[in-house]
C-alpha atoms as a PDB file:
ATOM      1  CA  UNK A   1    -109.586 -56.337 -38.784  1.00  0.00           C
ATOM      2  CA  UNK A   2    -109.538 -57.855 -42.346  1.00  0.00           C
ATOM      3  CA  UNK A   3    -110.999 -61.611 -42.689  1.00  0.00           C
ATOM      4  CA  UNK A   4    -109.300 -64.150 -44.937  1.00  0.00           C
ATOM      5  CA  UNK A   5    -110.989 -65.305 -47.723  1.00  0.00           C
ATOM      6  CA  UNK A   6    -114.256 -64.000 -48.802  1.00  0.00           C
ATOM      7  CA  UNK A   7    -114.114 -61.013 -46.187  1.00  0.00           C
ATOM      8  CA  UNK A   8    -110.599 -59.640 -47.519  1.00  0.00           C
ATOM      9  CA  UNK A   9    -112.170 -60.339 -51.071  1.00  0.00           C
ATOM     10  CA  UNK A  10    -115.166 -58.097 -50.807  1.00  0.00           C
ATOM     11  CA  UNK A  11    -112.292 -55.720 -48.721  1.00  0.00           C
ATOM     12  CA  UNK A  12    -110.249 -55.672 -51.803  1.00  0.00           C
ATOM     13  CA  UNK A  13    -113.219 -54.778 -54.115  1.00  0.00           C
ATOM     14  CA  UNK A  14    -114.977 -52.369 -52.018  1.00  0.00           C
ATOM     15  CA  UNK A  15    -111.598 -50.366 -52.095  1.00  0.00           C
ATOM     16  CA  UNK A  16    -111.221 -50.750 -55.982  1.00  0.00           C
ATOM     17  CA  UNK A  17    -114.904 -49.704 -56.229  1.00  0.00           C
ATOM     18  CA  UNK A  18    -113.531 -46.642 -53.844  1.00  0.00           C
ATOM     19  CA  UNK A  19    -110.850 -45.434 -55.616  1.00  0.00           C
ATOM     20  CA  UNK A  20    -112.783 -45.708 -58.839  1.00  0.00           C
ATOM     21  CA  UNK A  21    -114.771 -42.535 -57.221  1.00  0.00           C
ATOM     22  CA  UNK A  22    -117.654 -45.035 -56.057  1.00  0.00           C
ATOM     23  CA  UNK A  23    -118.914 -43.134 -53.183  1.00  0.00           C
ATOM     24  CA  UNK A  24    -121.091 -46.053 -51.391  1.00  0.00           C
ATOM     25  CA  UNK A  25    -118.157 -48.152 -51.566  1.00  0.00           C
ATOM     26  CA  UNK A  26    -116.342 -45.695 -49.992  1.00  0.00           C
ATOM     27  CA  UNK A  27    -119.117 -45.020 -47.369  1.00  0.00           C
ATOM     28  CA  UNK A  28    -119.292 -49.026 -46.526  1.00  0.00           C
ATOM     29  CA  UNK A  29    -115.397 -48.840 -45.920  1.00  0.00           C
ATOM     30  CA  UNK A  30    -116.353 -45.694 -43.686  1.00  0.00           C
ATOM     31  CA  UNK A  31    -118.655 -48.060 -41.703  1.00  0.00           C
ATOM     32  CA  UNK A  32    -116.331 -50.419 -41.102  1.00  0.00           C
ATOM     33  CA  UNK A  33    -113.461 -49.044 -40.108  1.00  0.00           C
ATOM     34  CA  UNK A  34    -114.996 -46.057 -38.143  1.00  0.00           C
ATOM     35  CA  UNK A  35    -115.332 -47.862 -35.023  1.00  0.00           C
ATOM     36  CA  UNK A  36    -111.944 -49.226 -34.538  1.00  0.00           C
ATOM     37  CA  UNK A  37    -110.016 -46.011 -35.968  1.00  0.00           C
ATOM     38  CA  UNK A  38    -112.031 -43.742 -33.211  1.00  0.00           C
ATOM     39  CA  UNK A  39    -110.752 -46.417 -30.654  1.00  0.00           C
ATOM     40  CA  UNK A  40    -107.044 -46.567 -31.778  1.00  0.00           C
ATOM     41  CA  UNK A  41    -107.529 -42.668 -31.396  1.00  0.00           C
ATOM     42  CA  UNK A  42    -108.943 -42.476 -28.176  1.00  0.00           C
ATOM     43  CA  UNK A  43    -106.171 -44.882 -27.147  1.00  0.00           C
ATOM     44  CA  UNK A  44    -103.523 -42.210 -28.754  1.00  0.00           C
ATOM     45  CA  UNK A  45    -104.608 -39.716 -25.887  1.00  0.00           C
ATOM     46  CA  UNK A  46    -107.127 -37.575 -27.530  1.00  0.00           C
ATOM     47  CA  UNK A  47    -110.687 -36.583 -26.248  1.00  0.00           C
ATOM     48  CA  UNK A  48    -113.598 -37.619 -27.453  1.00  0.00           C
ATOM     49  CA  UNK A  49    -114.167 -34.428 -29.739  1.00  0.00           C
ATOM     50  CA  UNK A  50    -110.334 -34.617 -31.168  1.00  0.00           C
ATOM     51  CA  UNK A  51    -110.623 -38.286 -31.823  1.00  0.00           C
ATOM     52  CA  UNK A  52    -114.191 -37.612 -33.639  1.00  0.00           C
ATOM     53  CA  UNK A  53    -112.415 -34.675 -35.504  1.00  0.00           C
ATOM     54  CA  UNK A  54    -109.191 -36.323 -36.324  1.00  0.00           C
ATOM     55  CA  UNK A  55    -111.628 -39.721 -36.925  1.00  0.00           C
ATOM     56  CA  UNK A  56    -113.194 -37.589 -39.664  1.00  0.00           C
ATOM     57  CA  UNK A  57    -109.639 -35.678 -41.326  1.00  0.00           C
ATOM     58  CA  UNK A  58    -108.399 -39.188 -41.747  1.00  0.00           C
ATOM     59  CA  UNK A  59    -111.460 -40.664 -43.697  1.00  0.00           C
ATOM     60  CA  UNK A  60    -111.378 -37.081 -45.877  1.00  0.00           C
ATOM     61  CA  UNK A  61    -107.428 -37.622 -46.097  1.00  0.00           C
ATOM     62  CA  UNK A  62    -107.832 -41.465 -47.138  1.00  0.00           C
ATOM     63  CA  UNK A  63    -110.253 -40.263 -49.987  1.00  0.00           C
ATOM     64  CA  UNK A  64    -108.699 -37.924 -51.386  1.00  0.00           C
ATOM     65  CA  UNK A  65    -105.239 -40.180 -51.874  1.00  0.00           C
ATOM     66  CA  UNK A  66    -107.201 -43.431 -52.161  1.00  0.00           C
ATOM     67  CA  UNK A  67    -106.416 -43.262 -55.677  1.00  0.00           C
ATOM     68  CA  UNK A  68    -102.949 -43.970 -54.733  1.00  0.00           C
ATOM     69  CA  UNK A  69    -103.189 -46.517 -52.359  1.00  0.00           C
ATOM     70  CA  UNK A  70    -101.163 -49.509 -53.125  1.00  0.00           C
ATOM     71  CA  UNK A  71    -102.654 -52.884 -51.737  1.00  0.00           C
ATOM     72  CA  UNK A  72     -99.633 -54.451 -52.483  1.00  0.00           C
ATOM     73  CA  UNK A  73     -97.595 -52.345 -49.875  1.00  0.00           C
ATOM     74  CA  UNK A  74    -100.214 -52.486 -46.938  1.00  0.00           C
ATOM     75  CA  UNK A  75    -103.469 -54.103 -46.312  1.00  0.00           C
ATOM     76  CA  UNK A  76    -106.072 -50.929 -46.188  1.00  0.00           C
ATOM     77  CA  UNK A  77    -106.262 -51.111 -42.487  1.00  0.00           C
ATOM     78  CA  UNK A  78    -102.878 -50.145 -42.383  1.00  0.00           C
ATOM     79  CA  UNK A  79    -102.687 -47.649 -44.510  1.00  0.00           C
ATOM     80  CA  UNK A  80    -105.859 -46.084 -42.763  1.00  0.00           C
ATOM     81  CA  UNK A  81    -104.028 -46.190 -39.422  1.00  0.00           C
ATOM     82  CA  UNK A  82    -100.894 -44.835 -40.512  1.00  0.00           C
ATOM     83  CA  UNK A  83    -103.065 -41.606 -41.787  1.00  0.00           C
ATOM     84  CA  UNK A  84    -105.059 -41.510 -38.574  1.00  0.00           C
ATOM     85  CA  UNK A  85    -101.633 -42.112 -36.406  1.00  0.00           C
ATOM     86  CA  UNK A  86     -99.547 -39.095 -38.104  1.00  0.00           C
ATOM     87  CA  UNK A  87    -103.058 -36.784 -37.833  1.00  0.00           C
ATOM     88  CA  UNK A  88    -102.562 -38.057 -34.060  1.00  0.00           C
ATOM     89  CA  UNK A  89     -99.151 -37.382 -33.345  1.00  0.00           C
ATOM     90  CA  UNK A  90     -99.635 -33.765 -35.104  1.00  0.00           C
ATOM     91  CA  UNK A  91    -102.263 -33.034 -33.063  1.00  0.00           C
ATOM     92  CA  UNK A  92    -101.231 -34.310 -29.835  1.00  0.00           C
ATOM     93  CA  UNK A  93     -97.593 -32.034 -30.775  1.00  0.00           C
ATOM     94  CA  UNK A  94     -99.933 -29.139 -30.671  1.00  0.00           C
ATOM     95  CA  UNK A  95    -101.957 -30.058 -27.685  1.00  0.00           C
ATOM     96  CA  UNK A  96    -101.290 -29.313 -23.989  1.00  0.00           C
ATOM     97  CA  UNK A  97    -100.080 -32.335 -22.596  1.00  0.00           C
ATOM     98  CA  UNK A  98    -102.370 -31.754 -19.692  1.00  0.00           C
ATOM     99  CA  UNK A  99    -105.691 -32.633 -21.551  1.00  0.00           C
ATOM    100  CA  UNK A 100    -104.475 -35.956 -22.451  1.00  0.00           C
ATOM    101  CA  UNK A 101    -106.478 -38.553 -21.692  1.00  0.00           C
ATOM    102  CA  UNK A 102    -106.397 -42.436 -22.791  1.00  0.00           C
ATOM    103  CA  UNK A 103    -109.677 -43.917 -23.643  1.00  0.00           C
ATOM    104  CA  UNK A 104    -110.991 -47.791 -22.224  1.00  0.00           C
ATOM    105  CA  UNK A 105    -110.882 -50.334 -24.591  1.00  0.00           C
ATOM    106  CA  UNK A 106    -114.134 -50.294 -26.004  1.00  0.00           C
ATOM    107  CA  UNK A 107    -114.146 -53.671 -27.186  1.00  0.00           C
ATOM    108  CA  UNK A 108    -112.912 -55.367 -23.745  1.00  0.00           C
ATOM    109  CA  UNK A 109    -116.009 -53.477 -22.412  1.00  0.00           C
ATOM    110  CA  UNK A 110    -118.259 -55.078 -24.548  1.00  0.00           C
ATOM    111  CA  UNK A 111    -116.717 -58.767 -24.044  1.00  0.00           C
ATOM    112  CA  UNK A 112    -116.706 -58.110 -20.528  1.00  0.00           C
ATOM    113  CA  UNK A 113    -120.443 -56.744 -20.345  1.00  0.00           C
ATOM    114  CA  UNK A 114    -122.431 -59.670 -20.331  1.00  0.00           C
ATOM    115  CA  UNK A 115    -120.079 -61.252 -17.213  1.00  0.00           C
ATOM    116  CA  UNK A 116    -122.461 -59.467 -14.702  1.00  0.00           C
ATOM    117  CA  UNK A 117    -119.566 -59.032 -11.946  1.00  0.00           C
ATOM    118  CA  UNK A 118    -120.761 -58.273  -8.509  1.00  0.00           C
ATOM    119  CA  UNK A 119    -120.283 -55.081  -6.809  1.00  0.00           C
ATOM    120  CA  UNK A 120    -116.928 -55.813  -5.595  1.00  0.00           C
ATOM    121  CA  UNK A 121    -115.529 -57.404  -8.816  1.00  0.00           C
ATOM    122  CA  UNK A 122    -116.636 -54.232 -10.527  1.00  0.00           C
ATOM    123  CA  UNK A 123    -115.402 -51.838  -8.013  1.00  0.00           C
ATOM    124  CA  UNK A 124    -111.924 -53.747  -8.248  1.00  0.00           C
ATOM    125  CA  UNK A 125    -112.576 -53.846 -12.281  1.00  0.00           C
ATOM    126  CA  UNK A 126    -112.983 -50.094 -12.125  1.00  0.00           C
ATOM    127  CA  UNK A 127    -110.094 -49.236  -9.958  1.00  0.00           C
ATOM    128  CA  UNK A 128    -107.949 -51.176 -12.105  1.00  0.00           C
ATOM    129  CA  UNK A 129    -108.746 -49.839 -15.300  1.00  0.00           C
ATOM    130  CA  UNK A 130    -108.031 -46.300 -13.486  1.00  0.00           C
ATOM    131  CA  UNK A 131    -104.682 -47.725 -12.759  1.00  0.00           C
ATOM    132  CA  UNK A 132    -103.975 -48.917 -15.952  1.00  0.00           C
ATOM    133  CA  UNK A 133    -105.367 -45.349 -17.508  1.00  0.00           C
ATOM    134  CA  UNK A 134    -103.182 -43.398 -15.366  1.00  0.00           C
ATOM    135  CA  UNK A 135    -100.061 -45.088 -16.260  1.00  0.00           C
ATOM    136  CA  UNK A 136    -100.800 -45.134 -20.154  1.00  0.00           C
ATOM    137  CA  UNK A 137    -100.876 -41.483 -19.973  1.00  0.00           C
ATOM    138  CA  UNK A 138     -97.701 -41.336 -18.450  1.00  0.00           C
ATOM    139  CA  UNK A 139     -96.136 -42.803 -21.565  1.00  0.00           C
ATOM    140  CA  UNK A 140     -95.632 -41.029 -24.575  1.00  0.00           C
ATOM    141  CA  UNK A 141     -97.740 -40.831 -27.686  1.00  0.00           C
ATOM    142  CA  UNK A 142     -95.534 -43.571 -29.288  1.00  0.00           C
ATOM    143  CA  UNK A 143     -95.579 -45.821 -26.695  1.00  0.00           C
ATOM    144  CA  UNK A 144     -99.392 -45.680 -26.402  1.00  0.00           C
ATOM    145  CA  UNK A 145     -99.640 -46.631 -30.329  1.00  0.00           C
ATOM    146  CA  UNK A 146     -97.296 -49.580 -30.392  1.00  0.00           C
ATOM    147  CA  UNK A 147     -98.962 -50.441 -27.643  1.00  0.00           C
ATOM    148  CA  UNK A 148    -102.797 -50.313 -29.031  1.00  0.00           C
ATOM    149  CA  UNK A 149    -101.741 -51.496 -32.437  1.00  0.00           C
ATOM    150  CA  UNK A 150    -100.122 -54.865 -30.864  1.00  0.00           C
ATOM    151  CA  UNK A 151    -102.591 -55.299 -28.208  1.00  0.00           C
ATOM    152  CA  UNK A 152    -105.609 -53.653 -28.721  1.00  0.00           C
ATOM    153  CA  UNK A 153    -106.268 -54.038 -32.562  1.00  0.00           C
ATOM    154  CA  UNK A 154    -104.041 -57.463 -32.436  1.00  0.00           C
ATOM    155  CA  UNK A 155    -102.252 -56.114 -35.909  1.00  0.00           C
ATOM    156  CA  UNK A 156     -99.461 -58.419 -36.646  1.00  0.00           C
ATOM    157  CA  UNK A 157     -95.584 -56.635 -35.819  1.00  0.00           C
ATOM    158  CA  UNK A 158     -95.191 -56.130 -39.618  1.00  0.00           C
ATOM    159  CA  UNK A 159     -98.463 -54.350 -39.701  1.00  0.00           C
ATOM    160  CA  UNK A 160     -97.039 -52.336 -36.746  1.00  0.00           C
ATOM    161  CA  UNK A 161     -93.882 -51.318 -38.433  1.00  0.00           C
ATOM    162  CA  UNK A 162     -95.921 -50.233 -41.346  1.00  0.00           C
ATOM    163  CA  UNK A 163     -98.008 -47.937 -38.906  1.00  0.00           C
ATOM    164  CA  UNK A 164     -95.087 -46.825 -37.147  1.00  0.00           C
ATOM    165  CA  UNK A 165     -92.986 -45.998 -39.960  1.00  0.00           C
ATOM    166  CA  UNK A 166     -90.275 -48.444 -38.809  1.00  0.00           C
ATOM    167  CA  UNK A 167     -88.312 -51.995 -39.673  1.00  0.00           C
ATOM    168  CA  UNK A 168     -90.339 -55.142 -37.715  1.00  0.00           C
ATOM    169  CA  UNK A 169     -87.327 -55.439 -35.859  1.00  0.00           C
ATOM    170  CA  UNK A 170     -87.510 -52.048 -35.052  1.00  0.00           C
ATOM    171  CA  UNK A 171     -91.072 -52.308 -34.083  1.00  0.00           C
ATOM    172  CA  UNK A 172     -90.506 -55.136 -31.527  1.00  0.00           C
ATOM    173  CA  UNK A 173     -87.827 -53.228 -30.183  1.00  0.00           C
ATOM    174  CA  UNK A 174     -90.293 -50.049 -29.659  1.00  0.00           C
ATOM    175  CA  UNK A 175     -93.032 -52.569 -27.950  1.00  0.00           C
ATOM    176  CA  UNK A 176     -90.276 -53.938 -26.170  1.00  0.00           C
ATOM    177  CA  UNK A 177     -89.370 -50.683 -24.418  1.00  0.00           C
ATOM    178  CA  UNK A 178     -92.948 -49.306 -24.298  1.00  0.00           C
ATOM    179  CA  UNK A 179     -94.028 -52.297 -22.230  1.00  0.00           C
ATOM    180  CA  UNK A 180     -91.148 -51.907 -19.679  1.00  0.00           C
ATOM    181  CA  UNK A 181     -92.036 -48.726 -19.587  1.00  0.00           C
ATOM    182  CA  UNK A 182     -95.799 -49.247 -18.896  1.00  0.00           C
ATOM    183  CA  UNK A 183     -94.380 -51.973 -16.168  1.00  0.00           C
ATOM    184  CA  UNK A 184     -92.509 -49.409 -14.406  1.00  0.00           C
ATOM    185  CA  UNK A 185     -95.737 -47.139 -14.332  1.00  0.00           C
ATOM    186  CA  UNK A 186     -97.346 -49.816 -12.839  1.00  0.00           C
ATOM    187  CA  UNK A 187     -94.991 -50.805 -10.521  1.00  0.00           C
ATOM    188  CA  UNK A 188     -96.111 -49.016  -7.577  1.00  0.00           C
ATOM    189  CA  UNK A 189     -97.892 -50.879  -4.780  1.00  0.00           C
ATOM    190  CA  UNK A 190    -100.754 -52.451  -5.297  1.00  0.00           C
ATOM    191  CA  UNK A 191    -100.060 -53.041  -8.832  1.00  0.00           C
ATOM    192  CA  UNK A 192    -102.227 -54.340 -11.403  1.00  0.00           C
ATOM    193  CA  UNK A 193    -101.652 -57.587 -13.227  1.00  0.00           C
ATOM    194  CA  UNK A 194    -101.572 -57.107 -16.887  1.00  0.00           C
ATOM    195  CA  UNK A 195    -100.932 -60.587 -18.965  1.00  0.00           C
ATOM    196  CA  UNK A 196     -98.693 -59.405 -21.586  1.00  0.00           C
ATOM    197  CA  UNK A 197     -96.194 -57.721 -18.994  1.00  0.00           C
ATOM    198  CA  UNK A 198     -95.317 -61.002 -17.144  1.00  0.00           C
END
């Protein structure tokens, strides 16, 4: 998410300016992180309207607490995703679990959009995505969160641990258990092959 070198320096300047009250700098941060944050909230099992509302709440809360943000403790994205995760878990605790739905990885859809598969491939791909969605829905929000952070957002184990509020060793164990539970959910006949589970 955050690029090395010049990108990281620009991000650090934007965060510092926003922390000093610069709304234009904060608006740039919102534009930079709104899509990944919204996608993350969708993968946490929130409906689109709920994810949009929680994304707004996340940015409002981040704006309010930005002067207390410490870049030495965590990357800005890690800090932001931690806020979003906590808000999402609170919302899911209050929600009716029958309404849970797992969003598709929009980034993966965009990557494969130009492959233009034939009708048979498109049908198989839709079936596989539906099967994966159904399996993910059976997982807990904590399992979905750790899987999304590690495999969709490609965060380091240290960043996953910070967001999840645990040690890297605990994050590694939680990730392993989440993969095992996902593998079990997919182990019915016609199993979907997911590369990171092998």
